Amino acid sequence: NNFVFIGYKTYRIREEASEEYLQAVEGTGLGILRHGDAKPR
């Protein structure tokens, strides 16, 4: 009870063309992160 949970999601690091991206793991989003862009950042 020290935190109001509003969103959660799991992310994985992946490498592509010598650059690193943070990729959302499909189906892990909860709260305000339940939906949203799955495009790697």
PDB file of all heavy atoms in Angstrom:
ATOM      1  N   ASN A   1       0.801  -1.227   0.000  1.00  0.00           N
ATOM      2  CA  ASN A   1       0.000   0.000   0.000  1.00  0.00           C
ATOM      3  C   ASN A   1       0.836   1.280   0.000  1.00  0.00           C
ATOM      4  O   ASN A   1       0.400   2.308   0.523  1.00  0.00           O
ATOM      5  CB  ASN A   1      -0.969   0.013   1.190  1.00  0.00           C
ATOM      6  CG  ASN A   1      -1.965  -1.112   1.149  1.00  0.00           C
ATOM      7  OD1 ASN A   1      -2.475  -1.461   0.084  1.00  0.00           O
ATOM      8  ND2 ASN A   1      -2.239  -1.716   2.294  1.00  0.00           N
ATOM      9  N   ASN A   2       2.016   1.224  -0.596  1.00  0.00           N
ATOM     10  CA  ASN A   2       2.832   2.419  -0.735  1.00  0.00           C
ATOM     11  C   ASN A   2       2.881   2.928  -2.175  1.00  0.00           C
ATOM     12  O   ASN A   2       3.581   3.905  -2.455  1.00  0.00           O
ATOM     13  CB  ASN A   2       4.256   2.148  -0.242  1.00  0.00           C
ATOM     14  CG  ASN A   2       4.323   1.979   1.251  1.00  0.00           C
ATOM     15  OD1 ASN A   2       3.942   2.869   2.001  1.00  0.00           O
ATOM     16  ND2 ASN A   2       4.776   0.823   1.704  1.00  0.00           N
ATOM     17  N   PHE A   3       2.145   2.255  -3.066  1.00  0.00           N
ATOM     18  CA  PHE A   3       2.200   2.598  -4.478  1.00  0.00           C
ATOM     19  C   PHE A   3       0.837   2.350  -5.096  1.00  0.00           C
ATOM     20  O   PHE A   3       0.230   1.290  -4.879  1.00  0.00           O
ATOM     21  CB  PHE A   3       3.254   1.741  -5.170  1.00  0.00           C
ATOM     22  CG  PHE A   3       3.660   2.209  -6.549  1.00  0.00           C
ATOM     23  CD1 PHE A   3       4.383   3.373  -6.719  1.00  0.00           C
ATOM     24  CD2 PHE A   3       3.324   1.477  -7.679  1.00  0.00           C
ATOM     25  CE1 PHE A   3       4.778   3.807  -7.980  1.00  0.00           C
ATOM     26  CE2 PHE A   3       3.708   1.889  -8.945  1.00  0.00           C
ATOM     27  CZ  PHE A   3       4.443   3.066  -9.097  1.00  0.00           C
ATOM     28  N   VAL A   4       0.326   3.337  -5.826  1.00  0.00           N
ATOM     29  CA  VAL A   4      -0.904   3.162  -6.592  1.00  0.00           C
ATOM     30  C   VAL A   4      -0.500   2.627  -7.955  1.00  0.00           C
ATOM     31  O   VAL A   4       0.034   3.367  -8.801  1.00  0.00           O
ATOM     32  CB  VAL A   4      -1.664   4.492  -6.735  1.00  0.00           C
ATOM     33  CG1 VAL A   4      -2.927   4.291  -7.571  1.00  0.00           C
ATOM     34  CG2 VAL A   4      -2.020   5.069  -5.376  1.00  0.00           C
ATOM     35  N   PHE A   5      -0.720   1.341  -8.183  1.00  0.00           N
ATOM     36  CA  PHE A   5      -0.349   0.720  -9.458  1.00  0.00           C
ATOM     37  C   PHE A   5      -1.313   1.175 -10.545  1.00  0.00           C
ATOM     38  O   PHE A   5      -2.528   0.999 -10.432  1.00  0.00           O
ATOM     39  CB  PHE A   5      -0.385  -0.802  -9.337  1.00  0.00           C
ATOM     40  CG  PHE A   5       0.673  -1.376  -8.440  1.00  0.00           C
ATOM     41  CD1 PHE A   5       0.402  -1.655  -7.110  1.00  0.00           C
ATOM     42  CD2 PHE A   5       1.948  -1.622  -8.925  1.00  0.00           C
ATOM     43  CE1 PHE A   5       1.372  -2.175  -6.274  1.00  0.00           C
ATOM     44  CE2 PHE A   5       2.929  -2.143  -8.106  1.00  0.00           C
ATOM     45  CZ  PHE A   5       2.647  -2.422  -6.769  1.00  0.00           C
ATOM     46  N   ILE A   6      -0.775   1.748 -11.627  1.00  0.00           N
ATOM     47  CA  ILE A   6      -1.606   2.248 -12.717  1.00  0.00           C
ATOM     48  C   ILE A   6      -1.290   1.537 -14.032  1.00  0.00           C
ATOM     49  O   ILE A   6      -2.159   1.398 -14.890  1.00  0.00           O
ATOM     50  CB  ILE A   6      -1.433   3.774 -12.848  1.00  0.00           C
ATOM     51  CG1 ILE A   6      -1.964   4.460 -11.573  1.00  0.00           C
ATOM     52  CG2 ILE A   6      -2.149   4.317 -14.076  1.00  0.00           C
ATOM     53  CD1 ILE A   6      -1.760   5.963 -11.554  1.00  0.00           C
ATOM     54  N   GLY A   7      -0.067   1.073 -14.197  1.00  0.00           N
ATOM     55  CA  GLY A   7       0.288   0.361 -15.423  1.00  0.00           C
ATOM     56  C   GLY A   7       1.460  -0.572 -15.195  1.00  0.00           C
ATOM     57  O   GLY A   7       2.292  -0.341 -14.316  1.00  0.00           O
ATOM     58  N   TYR A   8       1.494  -1.660 -15.971  1.00  0.00           N
ATOM     59  CA  TYR A   8       2.605  -2.624 -15.897  1.00  0.00           C
ATOM     60  C   TYR A   8       2.806  -3.251 -17.268  1.00  0.00           C
ATOM     61  O   TYR A   8       1.851  -3.506 -18.010  1.00  0.00           O
ATOM     62  CB  TYR A   8       2.313  -3.738 -14.888  1.00  0.00           C
ATOM     63  CG  TYR A   8       3.271  -4.913 -15.037  1.00  0.00           C
ATOM     64  CD1 TYR A   8       4.522  -4.877 -14.438  1.00  0.00           C
ATOM     65  CD2 TYR A   8       2.944  -6.021 -15.827  1.00  0.00           C
ATOM     66  CE1 TYR A   8       5.423  -5.921 -14.602  1.00  0.00           C
ATOM     67  CE2 TYR A   8       3.829  -7.068 -16.001  1.00  0.00           C
ATOM     68  CZ  TYR A   8       5.069  -7.019 -15.384  1.00  0.00           C
ATOM     69  OH  TYR A   8       5.966  -8.038 -15.563  1.00  0.00           O
ATOM     70  N   LYS A   9       4.088  -3.511 -17.591  1.00  0.00           N
ATOM     71  CA  LYS A   9       4.402  -4.277 -18.801  1.00  0.00           C
ATOM     72  C   LYS A   9       5.825  -4.820 -18.685  1.00  0.00           C
ATOM     73  O   LYS A   9       6.679  -4.212 -18.030  1.00  0.00           O
ATOM     74  CB  LYS A   9       4.262  -3.409 -20.062  1.00  0.00           C
ATOM     75  CG  LYS A   9       4.370  -4.187 -21.369  1.00  0.00           C
ATOM     76  CD  LYS A   9       3.971  -3.325 -22.568  1.00  0.00           C
ATOM     77  CE  LYS A   9       2.467  -3.215 -22.699  1.00  0.00           C
ATOM     78  NZ  LYS A   9       2.064  -2.541 -23.973  1.00  0.00           N
ATOM     79  N   THR A  10       6.042  -5.975 -19.308  1.00  0.00           N
ATOM     80  CA  THR A  10       7.377  -6.571 -19.375  1.00  0.00           C
ATOM     81  C   THR A  10       8.033  -6.178 -20.691  1.00  0.00           C
ATOM     82  O   THR A  10       7.391  -6.184 -21.747  1.00  0.00           O
ATOM     83  CB  THR A  10       7.290  -8.103 -19.289  1.00  0.00           C
ATOM     84  OG1 THR A  10       6.602  -8.460 -18.089  1.00  0.00           O
ATOM     85  CG2 THR A  10       8.682  -8.720 -19.273  1.00  0.00           C
ATOM     86  N   TYR A  11       9.333  -5.858 -20.626  1.00  0.00           N
ATOM     87  CA  TYR A  11      10.094  -5.486 -21.821  1.00  0.00           C
ATOM     88  C   TYR A  11      11.342  -6.362 -21.925  1.00  0.00           C
ATOM     89  O   TYR A  11      11.900  -6.789 -20.917  1.00  0.00           O
ATOM     90  CB  TYR A  11      10.514  -4.013 -21.771  1.00  0.00           C
ATOM     91  CG  TYR A  11       9.357  -3.053 -21.903  1.00  0.00           C
ATOM     92  CD1 TYR A  11       8.579  -2.723 -20.796  1.00  0.00           C
ATOM     93  CD2 TYR A  11       9.030  -2.501 -23.135  1.00  0.00           C
ATOM     94  CE1 TYR A  11       7.510  -1.852 -20.911  1.00  0.00           C
ATOM     95  CE2 TYR A  11       7.963  -1.615 -23.262  1.00  0.00           C
ATOM     96  CZ  TYR A  11       7.199  -1.302 -22.145  1.00  0.00           C
ATOM     97  OH  TYR A  11       6.135  -0.448 -22.269  1.00  0.00           O
ATOM     98  N   ARG A  12      11.761  -6.603 -23.155  1.00  0.00           N
ATOM     99  CA  ARG A  12      12.981  -7.371 -23.414  1.00  0.00           C
ATOM    100  C   ARG A  12      13.912  -6.555 -24.311  1.00  0.00           C
ATOM    101  O   ARG A  12      13.462  -5.846 -25.218  1.00  0.00           O
ATOM    102  CB  ARG A  12      12.657  -8.707 -24.106  1.00  0.00           C
ATOM    103  CG  ARG A  12      11.883  -9.675 -23.228  1.00  0.00           C
ATOM    104  CD  ARG A  12      12.793 -10.312 -22.184  1.00  0.00           C
ATOM    105  NE  ARG A  12      12.040 -11.267 -21.360  1.00  0.00           N
ATOM    106  CZ  ARG A  12      11.548 -10.973 -20.164  1.00  0.00           C
ATOM    107  NH1 ARG A  12      11.693  -9.761 -19.665  1.00  0.00           N
ATOM    108  NH2 ARG A  12      10.895 -11.884 -19.473  1.00  0.00           N
ATOM    109  N   ILE A  13      15.211  -6.685 -24.053  1.00  0.00           N
ATOM    110  CA  ILE A  13      16.210  -6.038 -24.907  1.00  0.00           C
ATOM    111  C   ILE A  13      16.504  -6.944 -26.100  1.00  0.00           C
ATOM    112  O   ILE A  13      16.713  -8.143 -25.926  1.00  0.00           O
ATOM    113  CB  ILE A  13      17.516  -5.775 -24.129  1.00  0.00           C
ATOM    114  CG1 ILE A  13      17.256  -4.818 -22.961  1.00  0.00           C
ATOM    115  CG2 ILE A  13      18.585  -5.194 -25.057  1.00  0.00           C
ATOM    116  CD1 ILE A  13      18.455  -4.635 -22.056  1.00  0.00           C
ATOM    117  N   ARG A  14      16.495  -6.376 -27.275  1.00  0.00           N
ATOM    118  CA  ARG A  14      16.906  -7.158 -28.442  1.00  0.00           C
ATOM    119  C   ARG A  14      17.845  -6.312 -29.305  1.00  0.00           C
ATOM    120  O   ARG A  14      17.748  -5.084 -29.334  1.00  0.00           O
ATOM    121  CB  ARG A  14      15.711  -7.647 -29.252  1.00  0.00           C
ATOM    122  CG  ARG A  14      14.899  -6.593 -29.961  1.00  0.00           C
ATOM    123  CD  ARG A  14      13.781  -7.261 -30.749  1.00  0.00           C
ATOM    124  NE  ARG A  14      12.961  -6.329 -31.484  1.00  0.00           N
ATOM    125  CZ  ARG A  14      13.246  -5.847 -32.683  1.00  0.00           C
ATOM    126  NH1 ARG A  14      14.368  -6.207 -33.289  1.00  0.00           N
ATOM    127  NH2 ARG A  14      12.430  -5.011 -33.287  1.00  0.00           N
ATOM    128  N   GLU A  15      18.755  -6.986 -29.984  1.00  0.00           N
ATOM    129  CA  GLU A  15      19.734  -6.310 -30.833  1.00  0.00           C
ATOM    130  C   GLU A  15      19.360  -6.477 -32.297  1.00  0.00           C
ATOM    131  O   GLU A  15      18.885  -7.535 -32.718  1.00  0.00           O
ATOM    132  CB  GLU A  15      21.136  -6.866 -30.570  1.00  0.00           C
ATOM    133  CG  GLU A  15      21.665  -6.552 -29.189  1.00  0.00           C
ATOM    134  CD  GLU A  15      23.111  -6.969 -29.031  1.00  0.00           C
ATOM    135  OE1 GLU A  15      23.753  -7.318 -30.040  1.00  0.00           O
ATOM    136  OE2 GLU A  15      23.601  -6.949 -27.882  1.00  0.00           O
ATOM    137  N   GLU A  16      19.588  -5.421 -33.032  1.00  0.00           N
ATOM    138  CA  GLU A  16      19.297  -5.451 -34.468  1.00  0.00           C
ATOM    139  C   GLU A  16      20.207  -4.443 -35.157  1.00  0.00           C
ATOM    140  O   GLU A  16      20.194  -3.255 -34.824  1.00  0.00           O
ATOM    141  CB  GLU A  16      17.819  -5.091 -34.713  1.00  0.00           C
ATOM    142  CG  GLU A  16      17.393  -5.204 -36.166  1.00  0.00           C
ATOM    143  CD  GLU A  16      15.913  -4.925 -36.344  1.00  0.00           C
ATOM    144  OE1 GLU A  16      15.089  -5.575 -35.659  1.00  0.00           O
ATOM    145  OE2 GLU A  16      15.587  -4.039 -37.156  1.00  0.00           O
ATOM    146  N   ALA A  17      21.004  -4.934 -36.107  1.00  0.00           N
ATOM    147  CA  ALA A  17      21.916  -4.068 -36.871  1.00  0.00           C
ATOM    148  C   ALA A  17      22.801  -3.246 -35.942  1.00  0.00           C
ATOM    149  O   ALA A  17      22.934  -2.023 -36.102  1.00  0.00           O
ATOM    150  CB  ALA A  17      21.118  -3.169 -37.808  1.00  0.00           C
ATOM    151  N   SER A  18      23.384  -3.942 -34.947  1.00  0.00           N
ATOM    152  CA  SER A  18      24.325  -3.323 -34.002  1.00  0.00           C
ATOM    153  C   SER A  18      23.682  -2.260 -33.108  1.00  0.00           C
ATOM    154  O   SER A  18      24.390  -1.480 -32.469  1.00  0.00           O
ATOM    155  CB  SER A  18      25.513  -2.688 -34.750  1.00  0.00           C
ATOM    156  OG  SER A  18      26.193  -3.672 -35.499  1.00  0.00           O
ATOM    157  N   GLU A  19      22.377  -2.217 -33.075  1.00  0.00           N
ATOM    158  CA  GLU A  19      21.692  -1.299 -32.175  1.00  0.00           C
ATOM    159  C   GLU A  19      20.782  -2.092 -31.250  1.00  0.00           C
ATOM    160  O   GLU A  19      20.324  -3.195 -31.589  1.00  0.00           O
ATOM    161  CB  GLU A  19      20.867  -0.270 -32.958  1.00  0.00           C
ATOM    162  CG  GLU A  19      21.720   0.708 -33.738  1.00  0.00           C
ATOM    163  CD  GLU A  19      20.890   1.819 -34.348  1.00  0.00           C
ATOM    164  OE1 GLU A  19      19.778   1.521 -34.813  1.00  0.00           O
ATOM    165  OE2 GLU A  19      21.344   2.979 -34.362  1.00  0.00           O
ATOM    166  N   GLU A  20      20.518  -1.528 -30.067  1.00  0.00           N
ATOM    167  CA  GLU A  20      19.681  -2.205 -29.085  1.00  0.00           C
ATOM    168  C   GLU A  20      18.313  -1.541 -29.007  1.00  0.00           C
ATOM    169  O   GLU A  20      18.191  -0.316 -29.058  1.00  0.00           O
ATOM    170  CB  GLU A  20      20.356  -2.195 -27.710  1.00  0.00           C
ATOM    171  CG  GLU A  20      21.582  -3.103 -27.647  1.00  0.00           C
ATOM    172  CD  GLU A  20      22.088  -3.279 -26.233  1.00  0.00           C
ATOM    173  OE1 GLU A  20      22.055  -2.293 -25.453  1.00  0.00           O
ATOM    174  OE2 GLU A  20      22.527  -4.386 -25.899  1.00  0.00           O
ATOM    175  N   TYR A  21      17.302  -2.395 -28.856  1.00  0.00           N
ATOM    176  CA  TYR A  21      15.924  -1.941 -28.785  1.00  0.00           C
ATOM    177  C   TYR A  21      15.267  -2.536 -27.548  1.00  0.00           C
ATOM    178  O   TYR A  21      15.633  -3.625 -27.086  1.00  0.00           O
ATOM    179  CB  TYR A  21      15.136  -2.376 -30.031  1.00  0.00           C
ATOM    180  CG  TYR A  21      15.584  -1.721 -31.307  1.00  0.00           C
ATOM    181  CD1 TYR A  21      16.706  -2.188 -31.994  1.00  0.00           C
ATOM    182  CD2 TYR A  21      14.887  -0.634 -31.830  1.00  0.00           C
ATOM    183  CE1 TYR A  21      17.123  -1.581 -33.176  1.00  0.00           C
ATOM    184  CE2 TYR A  21      15.297  -0.031 -33.017  1.00  0.00           C
ATOM    185  CZ  TYR A  21      16.406  -0.505 -33.678  1.00  0.00           C
ATOM    186  OH  TYR A  21      16.817   0.094 -34.838  1.00  0.00           O
ATOM    187  N   LEU A  22      14.278  -1.826 -27.034  1.00  0.00           N
ATOM    188  CA  LEU A  22      13.466  -2.350 -25.944  1.00  0.00           C
ATOM    189  C   LEU A  22      12.119  -2.743 -26.532  1.00  0.00           C
ATOM    190  O   LEU A  22      11.394  -1.902 -27.078  1.00  0.00           O
ATOM    191  CB  LEU A  22      13.294  -1.291 -24.849  1.00  0.00           C
ATOM    192  CG  LEU A  22      12.977  -1.791 -23.439  1.00  0.00           C
ATOM    193  CD1 LEU A  22      14.063  -2.743 -22.943  1.00  0.00           C
ATOM    194  CD2 LEU A  22      12.822  -0.625 -22.481  1.00  0.00           C
ATOM    195  N   GLN A  23      11.794  -4.026 -26.441  1.00  0.00           N
ATOM    196  CA  GLN A  23      10.607  -4.587 -27.073  1.00  0.00           C
ATOM    197  C   GLN A  23       9.608  -5.014 -26.008  1.00  0.00           C
ATOM    198  O   GLN A  23       9.944  -5.783 -25.101  1.00  0.00           O
ATOM    199  CB  GLN A  23      10.993  -5.793 -27.923  1.00  0.00           C
ATOM    200  CG  GLN A  23       9.817  -6.560 -28.508  1.00  0.00           C
ATOM    201  CD  GLN A  23       9.178  -5.834 -29.678  1.00  0.00           C
ATOM    202  OE1 GLN A  23       9.823  -5.585 -30.681  1.00  0.00           O
ATOM    203  NE2 GLN A  23       7.904  -5.500 -29.536  1.00  0.00           N
ATOM    204  N   ALA A  24       8.374  -4.512 -26.094  1.00  0.00           N
ATOM    205  CA  ALA A  24       7.325  -4.945 -25.174  1.00  0.00           C
ATOM    206  C   ALA A  24       6.984  -6.400 -25.428  1.00  0.00           C
ATOM    207  O   ALA A  24       6.905  -6.839 -26.585  1.00  0.00           O
ATOM    208  CB  ALA A  24       6.085  -4.072 -25.346  1.00  0.00           C
ATOM    209  N   VAL A  25       6.801  -7.161 -24.356  1.00  0.00           N
ATOM    210  CA  VAL A  25       6.415  -8.566 -24.476  1.00  0.00           C
ATOM    211  C   VAL A  25       4.901  -8.631 -24.618  1.00  0.00           C
ATOM    212  O   VAL A  25       4.160  -8.178 -23.740  1.00  0.00           O
ATOM    213  CB  VAL A  25       6.882  -9.374 -23.263  1.00  0.00           C
ATOM    214  CG1 VAL A  25       6.423 -10.827 -23.371  1.00  0.00           C
ATOM    215  CG2 VAL A  25       8.404  -9.300 -23.131  1.00  0.00           C
ATOM    216  N   GLU A  26       4.460  -9.184 -25.726  1.00  0.00           N
ATOM    217  CA  GLU A  26       3.032  -9.215 -26.034  1.00  0.00           C
ATOM    218  C   GLU A  26       2.250  -9.941 -24.945  1.00  0.00           C
ATOM    219  O   GLU A  26       2.645 -10.985 -24.447  1.00  0.00           O
ATOM    220  CB  GLU A  26       2.808  -9.901 -27.383  1.00  0.00           C
ATOM    221  CG  GLU A  26       1.374  -9.825 -27.869  1.00  0.00           C
ATOM    222  CD  GLU A  26       1.203 -10.433 -29.260  1.00  0.00           C
ATOM    223  OE1 GLU A  26       2.227 -10.777 -29.886  1.00  0.00           O
ATOM    224  OE2 GLU A  26       0.048 -10.547 -29.700  1.00  0.00           O
ATOM    225  N   GLY A  27       1.113  -9.345 -24.565  1.00  0.00           N
ATOM    226  CA  GLY A  27       0.220  -9.978 -23.600  1.00  0.00           C
ATOM    227  C   GLY A  27       0.558  -9.725 -22.150  1.00  0.00           C
ATOM    228  O   GLY A  27      -0.136 -10.226 -21.266  1.00  0.00           O
ATOM    229  N   THR A  28       1.607  -8.934 -21.873  1.00  0.00           N
ATOM    230  CA  THR A  28       1.992  -8.697 -20.480  1.00  0.00           C
ATOM    231  C   THR A  28       1.436  -7.387 -19.937  1.00  0.00           C
ATOM    232  O   THR A  28       1.543  -7.123 -18.736  1.00  0.00           O
ATOM    233  CB  THR A  28       3.525  -8.674 -20.326  1.00  0.00           C
ATOM    234  OG1 THR A  28       4.064  -7.604 -21.119  1.00  0.00           O
ATOM    235  CG2 THR A  28       4.132  -9.996 -20.763  1.00  0.00           C
ATOM    236  N   GLY A  29       0.857  -6.544 -20.774  1.00  0.00           N
ATOM    237  CA  GLY A  29       0.405  -5.234 -20.337  1.00  0.00           C
ATOM    238  C   GLY A  29      -0.797  -5.294 -19.416  1.00  0.00           C
ATOM    239  O   GLY A  29      -1.729  -6.076 -19.630  1.00  0.00           O
ATOM    240  N   LEU A  30      -0.774  -4.467 -18.387  1.00  0.00           N
ATOM    241  CA  LEU A  30      -1.876  -4.338 -17.435  1.00  0.00           C
ATOM    242  C   LEU A  30      -2.138  -2.860 -17.181  1.00  0.00           C
ATOM    243  O   LEU A  30      -1.264  -2.009 -17.366  1.00  0.00           O
ATOM    244  CB  LEU A  30      -1.544  -5.035 -16.118  1.00  0.00           C
ATOM    245  CG  LEU A  30      -1.368  -6.556 -16.151  1.00  0.00           C
ATOM    246  CD1 LEU A  30      -0.782  -7.051 -14.831  1.00  0.00           C
ATOM    247  CD2 LEU A  30      -2.706  -7.250 -16.441  1.00  0.00           C
ATOM    248  N   GLY A  31      -3.353  -2.540 -16.716  1.00  0.00           N
ATOM    249  CA  GLY A  31      -3.690  -1.157 -16.447  1.00  0.00           C
ATOM    250  C   GLY A  31      -3.591  -0.315 -17.697  1.00  0.00           C
ATOM    251  O   GLY A  31      -3.973  -0.747 -18.780  1.00  0.00           O
ATOM    252  N   ILE A  32      -3.045   0.883 -17.571  1.00  0.00           N
ATOM    253  CA  ILE A  32      -2.973   1.780 -18.730  1.00  0.00           C
ATOM    254  C   ILE A  32      -1.968   1.303 -19.766  1.00  0.00           C
ATOM    255  O   ILE A  32      -1.926   1.837 -20.879  1.00  0.00           O
ATOM    256  CB  ILE A  32      -2.634   3.225 -18.307  1.00  0.00           C
ATOM    257  CG1 ILE A  32      -1.261   3.296 -17.633  1.00  0.00           C
ATOM    258  CG2 ILE A  32      -3.724   3.805 -17.423  1.00  0.00           C
ATOM    259  CD1 ILE A  32      -0.776   4.718 -17.398  1.00  0.00           C
ATOM    260  N   LEU A  33      -1.154   0.283 -19.432  1.00  0.00           N
ATOM    261  CA  LEU A  33      -0.237  -0.317 -20.408  1.00  0.00           C
ATOM    262  C   LEU A  33      -0.806  -1.608 -21.001  1.00  0.00           C
ATOM    263  O   LEU A  33      -0.100  -2.338 -21.679  1.00  0.00           O
ATOM    264  CB  LEU A  33       1.127  -0.593 -19.762  1.00  0.00           C
ATOM    265  CG  LEU A  33       1.906   0.637 -19.292  1.00  0.00           C
ATOM    266  CD1 LEU A  33       3.241   0.227 -18.671  1.00  0.00           C
ATOM    267  CD2 LEU A  33       2.141   1.609 -20.442  1.00  0.00           C
ATOM    268  N   ARG A  34      -2.089  -1.849 -20.727  1.00  0.00           N
ATOM    269  CA  ARG A  34      -2.730  -3.057 -21.274  1.00  0.00           C
ATOM    270  C   ARG A  34      -2.713  -3.022 -22.794  1.00  0.00           C
ATOM    271  O   ARG A  34      -2.534  -4.043 -23.448  1.00  0.00           O
ATOM    272  CB  ARG A  34      -4.174  -3.144 -20.768  1.00  0.00           C
ATOM    273  CG  ARG A  34      -4.871  -4.436 -21.152  1.00  0.00           C
ATOM    274  CD  ARG A  34      -6.364  -4.357 -20.871  1.00  0.00           C
ATOM    275  NE  ARG A  34      -6.678  -4.266 -19.447  1.00  0.00           N
ATOM    276  CZ  ARG A  34      -7.926  -4.201 -18.961  1.00  0.00           C
ATOM    277  NH1 ARG A  34      -8.947  -4.182 -19.828  1.00  0.00           N
ATOM    278  NH2 ARG A  34      -8.137  -4.132 -17.673  1.00  0.00           N
ATOM    279  N   HIS A  35      -2.923  -1.863 -23.347  1.00  0.00           N
ATOM    280  CA  HIS A  35      -2.896  -1.690 -24.800  1.00  0.00           C
ATOM    281  C   HIS A  35      -1.762  -0.736 -25.145  1.00  0.00           C
ATOM    282  O   HIS A  35      -1.089  -0.203 -24.274  1.00  0.00           O
ATOM    283  CB  HIS A  35      -4.226  -1.139 -25.290  1.00  0.00           C
ATOM    284  CG  HIS A  35      -5.409  -1.922 -24.807  1.00  0.00           C
ATOM    285  ND1 HIS A  35      -5.652  -3.220 -25.189  1.00  0.00           N
ATOM    286  CD2 HIS A  35      -6.400  -1.588 -23.930  1.00  0.00           C
ATOM    287  CE1 HIS A  35      -6.752  -3.654 -24.584  1.00  0.00           C
ATOM    288  NE2 HIS A  35      -7.223  -2.685 -23.822  1.00  0.00           N
ATOM    289  N   GLY A  36      -1.565  -0.491 -26.375  1.00  0.00           N
ATOM    290  CA  GLY A  36      -0.530   0.468 -26.757  1.00  0.00           C
ATOM    291  C   GLY A  36       0.358  -0.064 -27.861  1.00  0.00           C
ATOM    292  O   GLY A  36       0.273  -1.230 -28.265  1.00  0.00           O
ATOM    293  N   ASP A  37       1.228   0.795 -28.334  1.00  0.00           N
ATOM    294  CA  ASP A  37       2.101   0.485 -29.460  1.00  0.00           C
ATOM    295  C   ASP A  37       3.134  -0.566 -29.071  1.00  0.00           C
ATOM    296  O   ASP A  37       3.871  -0.406 -28.099  1.00  0.00           O
ATOM    297  CB  ASP A  37       2.800   1.773 -29.914  1.00  0.00           C
ATOM    298  CG  ASP A  37       3.572   1.585 -31.211  1.00  0.00           C
ATOM    299  OD1 ASP A  37       3.476   0.488 -31.798  1.00  0.00           O
ATOM    300  OD2 ASP A  37       4.253   2.528 -31.620  1.00  0.00           O
ATOM    301  N   ALA A  38       3.173  -1.668 -29.806  1.00  0.00           N
ATOM    302  CA  ALA A  38       4.149  -2.734 -29.544  1.00  0.00           C
ATOM    303  C   ALA A  38       5.443  -2.527 -30.322  1.00  0.00           C
ATOM    304  O   ALA A  38       6.335  -3.368 -30.272  1.00  0.00           O
ATOM    305  CB  ALA A  38       3.542  -4.096 -29.903  1.00  0.00           C
ATOM    306  N   LYS A  39       5.544  -1.400 -31.023  1.00  0.00           N
ATOM    307  CA  LYS A  39       6.741  -1.139 -31.822  1.00  0.00           C
ATOM    308  C   LYS A  39       7.962  -0.996 -30.916  1.00  0.00           C
ATOM    309  O   LYS A  39       7.925  -0.279 -29.921  1.00  0.00           O
ATOM    310  CB  LYS A  39       6.544   0.156 -32.625  1.00  0.00           C
ATOM    311  CG  LYS A  39       7.679   0.477 -33.572  1.00  0.00           C
ATOM    312  CD  LYS A  39       7.382   1.754 -34.346  1.00  0.00           C
ATOM    313  CE  LYS A  39       8.525   2.118 -35.282  1.00  0.00           C
ATOM    314  NZ  LYS A  39       8.238   3.368 -36.035  1.00  0.00           N
ATOM    315  N   PRO A  40       9.056  -1.691 -31.221  1.00  0.00           N
ATOM    316  CA  PRO A  40      10.253  -1.594 -30.368  1.00  0.00           C
ATOM    317  C   PRO A  40      10.832  -0.182 -30.377  1.00  0.00           C
ATOM    318  O   PRO A  40      10.772   0.534 -31.382  1.00  0.00           O
ATOM    319  CB  PRO A  40      11.223  -2.594 -31.001  1.00  0.00           C
ATOM    320  CG  PRO A  40      10.758  -2.767 -32.403  1.00  0.00           C
ATOM    321  CD  PRO A  40       9.270  -2.592 -32.363  1.00  0.00           C
ATOM    322  N   ARG A  41      11.377   0.222 -29.236  1.00  0.00           N
ATOM    323  CA  ARG A  41      11.949   1.548 -29.099  1.00  0.00           C
ATOM    324  C   ARG A  41      13.465   1.445 -29.038  1.00  0.00           C
ATOM    325  O   ARG A  41      14.014   0.717 -28.207  1.00  0.00           O
ATOM    326  CB  ARG A  41      11.412   2.222 -27.833  1.00  0.00           C
ATOM    327  CG  ARG A  41      11.949   3.626 -27.605  1.00  0.00           C
ATOM    328  CD  ARG A  41      11.209   4.306 -26.462  1.00  0.00           C
ATOM    329  NE  ARG A  41      11.375   3.612 -25.216  1.00  0.00           N
ATOM    330  CZ  ARG A  41      12.391   3.819 -24.374  1.00  0.00           C
ATOM    331  NH1 ARG A  41      13.354   4.675 -24.684  1.00  0.00           N
ATOM    332  NH2 ARG A  41      12.459   3.162 -23.237  1.00  0.00           N
TER     333      ARG A  41
END
